[in-house]
Amino acid sequence: MSEQNKQDATQRFSARVDDYAKYRPSYPAELLDYMQQTIGVQSGHKVADIGAGTGIFTALLLERGLDVFAVEPNEPMRRAAGETLPAEHLHLVDGSAEQTNLPDHSVNVIICAQSFHWFDTQRAVSEFRRIAGADGKLVLIWNTRLQTGSEFLERYEQLLQQFGTDYNEVNHQHMFSQLQHPVFREGTMQRATFINRQVLDLDGVQGRLRSTSYVPSAGEPGYAQMMEEAERIFNETEQDGVVYMDYETEVYWGQL
């Protein structure tokens, strides 16, 4: 990803906050069970949710009794999180992965859900080690949208290829394997995957599309045609009024 895109990442979702909060997928309960039972993220732990956005993953952490520092540099997204999440055990922090504004050794675990690909890897990992200390763990999570497996999934991918502005450059898929800077302490990284699915009506498909940073926004060239094509795809692939957006939820974790 270019340095310009990394710099723009903080603001590129500002006009999409409502759609992001409403239409982005959540995460499977099995993932949270895995984090508790295998990774050892326990109730009462202090967790930094870096790039917390509108709080989709933060909400799940709060439900599990964790003390969460939701670090998010985008003010509209941070405000949306504060408006929807329960205040108890929630600490909203104006900060970034590279400068969290958290004290040294202040958290047990660092979690990046659908965000790590936007960070400056070397600077972020250095900051994570500062706030988590020698025993800290890092958990990287992505909902990776499946591009094949159904007519809807395949045609939705074609839609993004047709109308996406910088889709191929900022698409996070396979990005972890391309990182040049080491993230985890040598020999500690583990990986797990889980099945995840959104059941979407037409409004859901179009809202999910609008929540994406690499497609035209309302009023921009190509937006109307993109929405018309999304409706055509839905009408030609729906069953009982819905389609299925399938994901593989990927988890990479280990010691910092």
C-alpha atoms as a PDB file:
ATOM      1  CA  MET A   1       0.000   0.000   0.000  1.00  0.00           C
ATOM      2  CA  SER A   2       1.312   3.461  -0.846  1.00  0.00           C
ATOM      3  CA  GLU A   3       2.350   5.903   1.862  1.00  0.00           C
ATOM      4  CA  GLN A   4      -0.372   8.266   0.636  1.00  0.00           C
ATOM      5  CA  ASN A   5      -3.045   5.658   1.262  1.00  0.00           C
ATOM      6  CA  LYS A   6      -1.658   5.014   4.751  1.00  0.00           C
ATOM      7  CA  GLN A   7      -1.828   8.742   5.449  1.00  0.00           C
ATOM      8  CA  ASP A   8      -5.361   9.016   4.049  1.00  0.00           C
ATOM      9  CA  ALA A   9      -6.617   5.964   5.963  1.00  0.00           C
ATOM     10  CA  THR A  10      -7.585   8.013   9.008  1.00  0.00           C
ATOM     11  CA  GLN A  11     -10.103  10.075   7.055  1.00  0.00           C
ATOM     12  CA  ARG A  12     -11.235   7.861   4.198  1.00  0.00           C
ATOM     13  CA  PHE A  13     -14.200   6.462   6.154  1.00  0.00           C
ATOM     14  CA  SER A  14     -15.436   9.821   7.506  1.00  0.00           C
ATOM     15  CA  ALA A  15     -18.289  10.086   4.983  1.00  0.00           C
ATOM     16  CA  ARG A  16     -19.246   6.427   5.436  1.00  0.00           C
ATOM     17  CA  VAL A  17     -19.618   6.212   9.218  1.00  0.00           C
ATOM     18  CA  ASP A  18     -23.368   5.492   9.337  1.00  0.00           C
ATOM     19  CA  ASP A  19     -23.176   2.802   6.667  1.00  0.00           C
ATOM     20  CA  TYR A  20     -20.062   1.308   8.265  1.00  0.00           C
ATOM     21  CA  ALA A  21     -21.747   1.001  11.654  1.00  0.00           C
ATOM     22  CA  LYS A  22     -24.958  -0.431  10.218  1.00  0.00           C
ATOM     23  CA  TYR A  23     -23.844  -2.713   7.411  1.00  0.00           C
ATOM     24  CA  ARG A  24     -20.348  -4.038   8.169  1.00  0.00           C
ATOM     25  CA  PRO A  25     -20.294  -7.636   9.423  1.00  0.00           C
ATOM     26  CA  SER A  26     -19.773  -8.505  13.064  1.00  0.00           C
ATOM     27  CA  TYR A  27     -17.690 -11.497  14.148  1.00  0.00           C
ATOM     28  CA  PRO A  28     -18.642 -15.080  15.090  1.00  0.00           C
ATOM     29  CA  ALA A  29     -19.155 -16.019  18.730  1.00  0.00           C
ATOM     30  CA  GLU A  30     -16.743 -18.926  18.205  1.00  0.00           C
ATOM     31  CA  LEU A  31     -13.951 -16.388  17.716  1.00  0.00           C
ATOM     32  CA  LEU A  32     -14.625 -14.792  21.103  1.00  0.00           C
ATOM     33  CA  ASP A  33     -14.739 -18.248  22.707  1.00  0.00           C
ATOM     34  CA  TYR A  34     -11.390 -19.047  21.082  1.00  0.00           C
ATOM     35  CA  MET A  35      -9.896 -15.819  22.379  1.00  0.00           C
ATOM     36  CA  GLN A  36     -10.948 -16.703  25.920  1.00  0.00           C
ATOM     37  CA  GLN A  37     -10.176 -20.406  25.912  1.00  0.00           C
ATOM     38  CA  THR A  38      -7.066 -20.583  23.702  1.00  0.00           C
ATOM     39  CA  ILE A  39      -5.476 -17.139  23.570  1.00  0.00           C
ATOM     40  CA  GLY A  40      -6.278 -16.494  27.223  1.00  0.00           C
ATOM     41  CA  VAL A  41      -8.094 -13.165  26.928  1.00  0.00           C
ATOM     42  CA  GLN A  42      -9.998 -13.217  30.211  1.00  0.00           C
ATOM     43  CA  SER A  43     -12.672 -11.090  31.852  1.00  0.00           C
ATOM     44  CA  GLY A  44     -11.055  -8.160  33.597  1.00  0.00           C
ATOM     45  CA  HIS A  45      -8.076  -7.956  31.252  1.00  0.00           C
ATOM     46  CA  LYS A  46      -7.196  -4.556  29.850  1.00  0.00           C
ATOM     47  CA  VAL A  47      -7.444  -4.677  26.080  1.00  0.00           C
ATOM     48  CA  ALA A  48      -6.444  -2.096  23.479  1.00  0.00           C
ATOM     49  CA  ASP A  49      -8.710  -2.267  20.415  1.00  0.00           C
ATOM     50  CA  ILE A  50      -6.576  -0.416  17.864  1.00  0.00           C
ATOM     51  CA  GLY A  51      -8.395   1.164  14.944  1.00  0.00           C
ATOM     52  CA  ALA A  52     -11.666   0.496  16.742  1.00  0.00           C
ATOM     53  CA  GLY A  53     -13.740   2.411  14.210  1.00  0.00           C
ATOM     54  CA  THR A  54     -17.412   2.559  15.130  1.00  0.00           C
ATOM     55  CA  GLY A  55     -16.924  -0.114  17.781  1.00  0.00           C
ATOM     56  CA  ILE A  56     -18.123  -3.284  16.034  1.00  0.00           C
ATOM     57  CA  PHE A  57     -15.517  -5.479  17.713  1.00  0.00           C
ATOM     58  CA  THR A  58     -15.304  -3.315  20.825  1.00  0.00           C
ATOM     59  CA  ALA A  59     -18.934  -4.165  21.584  1.00  0.00           C
ATOM     60  CA  LEU A  60     -18.126  -7.891  21.601  1.00  0.00           C
ATOM     61  CA  LEU A  61     -15.170  -7.352  23.920  1.00  0.00           C
ATOM     62  CA  LEU A  62     -17.320  -5.373  26.357  1.00  0.00           C
ATOM     63  CA  GLU A  63     -19.916  -8.155  26.349  1.00  0.00           C
ATOM     64  CA  ARG A  64     -17.172 -10.535  27.526  1.00  0.00           C
ATOM     65  CA  GLY A  65     -16.338  -8.371  30.530  1.00  0.00           C
ATOM     66  CA  LEU A  66     -13.133  -6.829  29.233  1.00  0.00           C
ATOM     67  CA  ASP A  67     -11.828  -3.372  30.067  1.00  0.00           C
ATOM     68  CA  VAL A  68     -11.422  -1.863  26.583  1.00  0.00           C
ATOM     69  CA  PHE A  69      -9.358   1.077  25.383  1.00  0.00           C
ATOM     70  CA  ALA A  70     -10.884   1.791  21.965  1.00  0.00           C
ATOM     71  CA  VAL A  71      -8.166   3.684  20.090  1.00  0.00           C
ATOM     72  CA  GLU A  72      -9.455   5.443  16.961  1.00  0.00           C
ATOM     73  CA  PRO A  73      -8.020   8.514  15.182  1.00  0.00           C
ATOM     74  CA  ASN A  74     -11.161   9.284  13.137  1.00  0.00           C
ATOM     75  CA  GLU A  75     -13.366  11.596  15.191  1.00  0.00           C
ATOM     76  CA  PRO A  76     -16.728  10.799  13.496  1.00  0.00           C
ATOM     77  CA  MET A  77     -16.128   7.061  13.939  1.00  0.00           C
ATOM     78  CA  ARG A  78     -15.023   7.522  17.526  1.00  0.00           C
ATOM     79  CA  ARG A  79     -18.116   9.634  18.235  1.00  0.00           C
ATOM     80  CA  ALA A  80     -20.363   6.953  16.711  1.00  0.00           C
ATOM     81  CA  ALA A  81     -18.788   4.355  19.000  1.00  0.00           C
ATOM     82  CA  GLY A  82     -19.425   6.541  22.017  1.00  0.00           C
ATOM     83  CA  GLU A  83     -23.065   6.991  21.060  1.00  0.00           C
ATOM     84  CA  THR A  84     -23.814   3.275  20.756  1.00  0.00           C
ATOM     85  CA  LEU A  85     -21.529   1.414  23.181  1.00  0.00           C
ATOM     86  CA  PRO A  86     -22.143   0.997  26.924  1.00  0.00           C
ATOM     87  CA  ALA A  87     -19.950   3.351  28.918  1.00  0.00           C
ATOM     88  CA  GLU A  88     -18.938   0.876  31.617  1.00  0.00           C
ATOM     89  CA  HIS A  89     -15.420  -0.495  30.994  1.00  0.00           C
ATOM     90  CA  LEU A  90     -15.122   1.575  27.804  1.00  0.00           C
ATOM     91  CA  HIS A  91     -12.341   4.129  27.327  1.00  0.00           C
ATOM     92  CA  LEU A  92     -12.457   6.011  24.017  1.00  0.00           C
ATOM     93  CA  VAL A  93      -8.985   7.197  23.037  1.00  0.00           C
ATOM     94  CA  ASP A  94      -8.049   9.705  20.349  1.00  0.00           C
ATOM     95  CA  GLY A  95      -4.946   7.976  19.058  1.00  0.00           C
ATOM     96  CA  SER A  96      -3.479   5.888  16.266  1.00  0.00           C
ATOM     97  CA  ALA A  97      -1.634   2.590  15.993  1.00  0.00           C
ATOM     98  CA  GLU A  98       1.621   4.470  15.711  1.00  0.00           C
ATOM     99  CA  GLN A  99       0.826   6.818  18.631  1.00  0.00           C
ATOM    100  CA  THR A 100      -1.854   5.333  20.858  1.00  0.00           C
ATOM    101  CA  ASN A 101      -1.505   7.884  23.668  1.00  0.00           C
ATOM    102  CA  LEU A 102      -1.686   5.012  26.180  1.00  0.00           C
ATOM    103  CA  PRO A 103       0.824   4.642  29.036  1.00  0.00           C
ATOM    104  CA  ASP A 104       3.683   2.156  29.047  1.00  0.00           C
ATOM    105  CA  HIS A 105       2.716  -1.424  29.976  1.00  0.00           C
ATOM    106  CA  SER A 106      -0.936  -0.420  30.388  1.00  0.00           C
ATOM    107  CA  VAL A 107      -2.704  -3.309  28.590  1.00  0.00           C
ATOM    108  CA  ASN A 108      -2.585  -7.105  28.569  1.00  0.00           C
ATOM    109  CA  VAL A 109      -3.674  -7.673  24.973  1.00  0.00           C
ATOM    110  CA  ILE A 110      -3.748  -5.650  21.757  1.00  0.00           C
ATOM    111  CA  ILE A 111      -6.424  -6.417  19.184  1.00  0.00           C
ATOM    112  CA  CYS A 112      -6.666  -5.110  15.628  1.00  0.00           C
ATOM    113  CA  ALA A 113      -9.940  -6.102  13.975  1.00  0.00           C
ATOM    114  CA  GLN A 114     -10.128  -5.200  10.284  1.00  0.00           C
ATOM    115  CA  SER A 115      -7.527  -2.478  10.763  1.00  0.00           C
ATOM    116  CA  PHE A 116      -3.915  -3.686  10.785  1.00  0.00           C
ATOM    117  CA  HIS A 117      -3.515  -3.350   7.007  1.00  0.00           C
ATOM    118  CA  TRP A 118      -3.887   0.430   7.340  1.00  0.00           C
ATOM    119  CA  PHE A 119      -0.972   0.808   9.772  1.00  0.00           C
ATOM    120  CA  ASP A 120       2.714   1.574   9.375  1.00  0.00           C
ATOM    121  CA  THR A 121       3.756  -1.916  10.475  1.00  0.00           C
ATOM    122  CA  GLN A 122       7.170  -1.161  11.958  1.00  0.00           C
ATOM    123  CA  ARG A 123       6.053   1.906  13.917  1.00  0.00           C
ATOM    124  CA  ALA A 124       2.829   0.236  15.082  1.00  0.00           C
ATOM    125  CA  VAL A 125       4.557  -2.884  16.384  1.00  0.00           C
ATOM    126  CA  SER A 126       7.068  -0.757  18.245  1.00  0.00           C
ATOM    127  CA  GLU A 127       4.214   1.163  19.865  1.00  0.00           C
ATOM    128  CA  PHE A 128       2.367  -2.054  20.704  1.00  0.00           C
ATOM    129  CA  ARG A 129       5.416  -3.410  22.501  1.00  0.00           C
ATOM    130  CA  ARG A 130       5.632  -0.211  24.515  1.00  0.00           C
ATOM    131  CA  ILE A 131       2.025  -0.291  25.778  1.00  0.00           C
ATOM    132  CA  ALA A 132       1.798  -4.077  26.267  1.00  0.00           C
ATOM    133  CA  GLY A 133       5.190  -4.905  27.703  1.00  0.00           C
ATOM    134  CA  ALA A 134       7.209  -8.101  27.433  1.00  0.00           C
ATOM    135  CA  ASP A 135       4.297 -10.450  28.150  1.00  0.00           C
ATOM    136  CA  GLY A 136       1.792  -8.742  25.874  1.00  0.00           C
ATOM    137  CA  LYS A 137      -0.125 -10.552  23.167  1.00  0.00           C
ATOM    138  CA  LEU A 138      -1.219  -9.257  19.775  1.00  0.00           C
ATOM    139  CA  VAL A 139      -4.342 -10.519  17.984  1.00  0.00           C
ATOM    140  CA  LEU A 140      -4.950  -9.578  14.338  1.00  0.00           C
ATOM    141  CA  ILE A 141      -8.403 -10.286  12.926  1.00  0.00           C
ATOM    142  CA  TRP A 142      -9.915  -9.953   9.472  1.00  0.00           C
ATOM    143  CA  ASN A 143     -13.287 -10.796   8.006  1.00  0.00           C
ATOM    144  CA  THR A 144     -12.061 -11.920   4.592  1.00  0.00           C
ATOM    145  CA  ARG A 145     -14.926 -11.755   2.118  1.00  0.00           C
ATOM    146  CA  LEU A 146     -15.126 -14.846  -0.091  1.00  0.00           C
ATOM    147  CA  GLN A 147     -14.913 -14.033  -3.786  1.00  0.00           C
ATOM    148  CA  THR A 148     -16.171 -17.369  -5.085  1.00  0.00           C
ATOM    149  CA  GLY A 149     -18.617 -20.066  -4.038  1.00  0.00           C
ATOM    150  CA  SER A 150     -21.873 -18.596  -5.298  1.00  0.00           C
ATOM    151  CA  GLU A 151     -23.081 -16.535  -8.222  1.00  0.00           C
ATOM    152  CA  PHE A 152     -23.731 -13.603  -5.905  1.00  0.00           C
ATOM    153  CA  LEU A 153     -20.222 -13.648  -4.413  1.00  0.00           C
ATOM    154  CA  GLU A 154     -18.596 -13.871  -7.824  1.00  0.00           C
ATOM    155  CA  ARG A 155     -20.689 -11.083  -9.342  1.00  0.00           C
ATOM    156  CA  TYR A 156     -20.189  -8.837  -6.306  1.00  0.00           C
ATOM    157  CA  GLU A 157     -16.425  -9.229  -6.742  1.00  0.00           C
ATOM    158  CA  GLN A 158     -16.780  -8.320 -10.416  1.00  0.00           C
ATOM    159  CA  LEU A 159     -18.742  -5.230  -9.353  1.00  0.00           C
ATOM    160  CA  LEU A 160     -15.881  -4.097  -7.119  1.00  0.00           C
ATOM    161  CA  GLN A 161     -13.357  -4.701  -9.883  1.00  0.00           C
ATOM    162  CA  GLN A 162     -15.474  -2.604 -12.246  1.00  0.00           C
ATOM    163  CA  PHE A 163     -16.279   0.354 -10.011  1.00  0.00           C
ATOM    164  CA  GLY A 164     -13.585   0.273  -7.317  1.00  0.00           C
ATOM    165  CA  THR A 165     -11.354   3.316  -7.265  1.00  0.00           C
ATOM    166  CA  ASP A 166      -8.246   1.831  -5.608  1.00  0.00           C
ATOM    167  CA  TYR A 167      -9.676  -1.572  -4.729  1.00  0.00           C
ATOM    168  CA  ASN A 168      -6.715  -3.720  -5.684  1.00  0.00           C
ATOM    169  CA  GLU A 169      -4.247  -1.468  -3.885  1.00  0.00           C
ATOM    170  CA  VAL A 170      -6.023  -1.302  -0.514  1.00  0.00           C
ATOM    171  CA  ASN A 171      -7.697  -4.734  -0.486  1.00  0.00           C
ATOM    172  CA  HIS A 172      -6.382  -6.436   2.663  1.00  0.00           C
ATOM    173  CA  GLN A 173      -6.664 -10.007   1.370  1.00  0.00           C
ATOM    174  CA  HIS A 174      -3.333 -11.842   1.527  1.00  0.00           C
ATOM    175  CA  MET A 175      -1.729  -8.687   2.944  1.00  0.00           C
ATOM    176  CA  PHE A 176      -0.505 -10.385   6.106  1.00  0.00           C
ATOM    177  CA  SER A 177       1.627 -12.815   4.117  1.00  0.00           C
ATOM    178  CA  GLN A 178       3.186  -9.853   2.279  1.00  0.00           C
ATOM    179  CA  LEU A 179       4.346  -7.940   5.359  1.00  0.00           C
ATOM    180  CA  GLN A 180       8.055  -7.211   5.279  1.00  0.00           C
ATOM    181  CA  HIS A 181       8.487  -6.369   8.961  1.00  0.00           C
ATOM    182  CA  PRO A 182       8.201  -9.091  11.640  1.00  0.00           C
ATOM    183  CA  VAL A 183       5.087  -8.705  13.789  1.00  0.00           C
ATOM    184  CA  PHE A 184       5.200 -11.479  16.383  1.00  0.00           C
ATOM    185  CA  ARG A 185       7.990 -12.796  18.565  1.00  0.00           C
ATOM    186  CA  GLU A 186       9.718 -15.554  16.623  1.00  0.00           C
ATOM    187  CA  GLY A 187       8.051 -18.944  16.962  1.00  0.00           C
ATOM    188  CA  THR A 188       4.909 -17.699  18.720  1.00  0.00           C
ATOM    189  CA  MET A 189       2.485 -16.929  15.885  1.00  0.00           C
ATOM    190  CA  GLN A 190      -0.626 -19.079  15.532  1.00  0.00           C
ATOM    191  CA  ARG A 191      -3.503 -18.884  13.051  1.00  0.00           C
ATOM    192  CA  ALA A 192      -7.145 -19.891  13.242  1.00  0.00           C
ATOM    193  CA  THR A 193     -10.137 -19.425  10.948  1.00  0.00           C
ATOM    194  CA  PHE A 194     -13.879 -19.288  11.483  1.00  0.00           C
ATOM    195  CA  ILE A 195     -16.930 -19.200   9.232  1.00  0.00           C
ATOM    196  CA  ASN A 196     -18.915 -15.964   9.164  1.00  0.00           C
ATOM    197  CA  ARG A 197     -21.944 -14.889   7.147  1.00  0.00           C
ATOM    198  CA  GLN A 198     -24.167 -11.877   6.558  1.00  0.00           C
ATOM    199  CA  VAL A 199     -27.743 -12.394   5.382  1.00  0.00           C
ATOM    200  CA  LEU A 200     -28.578  -9.323   3.311  1.00  0.00           C
ATOM    201  CA  ASP A 201     -31.647  -7.898   1.636  1.00  0.00           C
ATOM    202  CA  LEU A 202     -31.274  -5.320  -1.152  1.00  0.00           C
ATOM    203  CA  ASP A 203     -30.853  -2.472   1.324  1.00  0.00           C
ATOM    204  CA  GLY A 204     -28.171  -4.506   3.090  1.00  0.00           C
ATOM    205  CA  VAL A 205     -26.238  -5.193  -0.113  1.00  0.00           C
ATOM    206  CA  GLN A 206     -26.267  -1.566  -1.163  1.00  0.00           C
ATOM    207  CA  GLY A 207     -25.406  -0.383   2.355  1.00  0.00           C
ATOM    208  CA  ARG A 208     -22.544  -2.872   2.595  1.00  0.00           C
ATOM    209  CA  LEU A 209     -21.265  -1.537  -0.717  1.00  0.00           C
ATOM    210  CA  ARG A 210     -21.516   2.091   0.416  1.00  0.00           C
ATOM    211  CA  SER A 211     -19.538   1.275   3.574  1.00  0.00           C
ATOM    212  CA  THR A 212     -16.509   0.358   1.465  1.00  0.00           C
ATOM    213  CA  SER A 213     -13.800   2.987   1.192  1.00  0.00           C
ATOM    214  CA  TYR A 214     -12.678   2.120  -2.330  1.00  0.00           C
ATOM    215  CA  VAL A 215     -15.939   2.704  -4.241  1.00  0.00           C
ATOM    216  CA  PRO A 216     -17.578   5.992  -5.325  1.00  0.00           C
ATOM    217  CA  SER A 217     -19.684   7.870  -2.765  1.00  0.00           C
ATOM    218  CA  ALA A 218     -23.092   9.356  -3.527  1.00  0.00           C
ATOM    219  CA  GLY A 219     -22.737  12.134  -6.083  1.00  0.00           C
ATOM    220  CA  GLU A 220     -19.403  10.922  -7.418  1.00  0.00           C
ATOM    221  CA  PRO A 221     -18.943   9.611 -10.978  1.00  0.00           C
ATOM    222  CA  GLY A 222     -19.998   5.984 -11.285  1.00  0.00           C
ATOM    223  CA  TYR A 223     -22.032   5.869  -8.064  1.00  0.00           C
ATOM    224  CA  ALA A 224     -25.486   5.668  -9.688  1.00  0.00           C
ATOM    225  CA  GLN A 225     -24.386   3.032 -12.195  1.00  0.00           C
ATOM    226  CA  MET A 226     -22.752   1.011  -9.411  1.00  0.00           C
ATOM    227  CA  MET A 227     -25.940   1.024  -7.347  1.00  0.00           C
ATOM    228  CA  GLU A 228     -28.017   0.020 -10.368  1.00  0.00           C
ATOM    229  CA  GLU A 229     -25.678  -2.899 -11.038  1.00  0.00           C
ATOM    230  CA  ALA A 230     -25.793  -3.933  -7.360  1.00  0.00           C
ATOM    231  CA  GLU A 231     -29.593  -4.016  -7.554  1.00  0.00           C
ATOM    232  CA  ARG A 232     -29.456  -6.052 -10.763  1.00  0.00           C
ATOM    233  CA  ILE A 233     -27.085  -8.564  -9.174  1.00  0.00           C
ATOM    234  CA  PHE A 234     -29.315  -8.863  -6.125  1.00  0.00           C
ATOM    235  CA  ASN A 235     -32.488  -9.346  -8.182  1.00  0.00           C
ATOM    236  CA  GLU A 236     -30.853 -12.052 -10.288  1.00  0.00           C
ATOM    237  CA  THR A 237     -29.293 -14.004  -7.405  1.00  0.00           C
ATOM    238  CA  GLU A 238     -31.591 -13.564  -4.386  1.00  0.00           C
ATOM    239  CA  GLN A 239     -33.436 -16.465  -2.829  1.00  0.00           C
ATOM    240  CA  ASP A 240     -36.461 -15.690  -0.657  1.00  0.00           C
ATOM    241  CA  GLY A 241     -35.514 -12.023  -0.665  1.00  0.00           C
ATOM    242  CA  VAL A 242     -31.920 -12.378   0.596  1.00  0.00           C
ATOM    243  CA  VAL A 243     -28.385 -13.156  -0.494  1.00  0.00           C
ATOM    244  CA  TYR A 244     -25.449 -14.446   1.552  1.00  0.00           C
ATOM    245  CA  MET A 245     -22.213 -12.531   1.984  1.00  0.00           C
ATOM    246  CA  ASP A 246     -19.788 -15.171   3.216  1.00  0.00           C
ATOM    247  CA  TYR A 247     -16.500 -14.573   5.002  1.00  0.00           C
ATOM    248  CA  GLU A 248     -13.595 -16.477   6.441  1.00  0.00           C
ATOM    249  CA  THR A 249     -12.718 -14.796   9.728  1.00  0.00           C
ATOM    250  CA  GLU A 250      -8.930 -15.049   9.991  1.00  0.00           C
ATOM    251  CA  VAL A 251      -7.052 -14.710  13.269  1.00  0.00           C
ATOM    252  CA  TYR A 252      -3.280 -14.347  13.654  1.00  0.00           C
ATOM    253  CA  TRP A 253      -1.963 -14.079  17.193  1.00  0.00           C
ATOM    254  CA  GLY A 254       1.176 -14.431  19.257  1.00  0.00           C
ATOM    255  CA  GLN A 255       3.575 -12.757  21.662  1.00  0.00           C
ATOM    256  CA  LEU A 256       4.917  -9.307  21.015  1.00  0.00           C
END
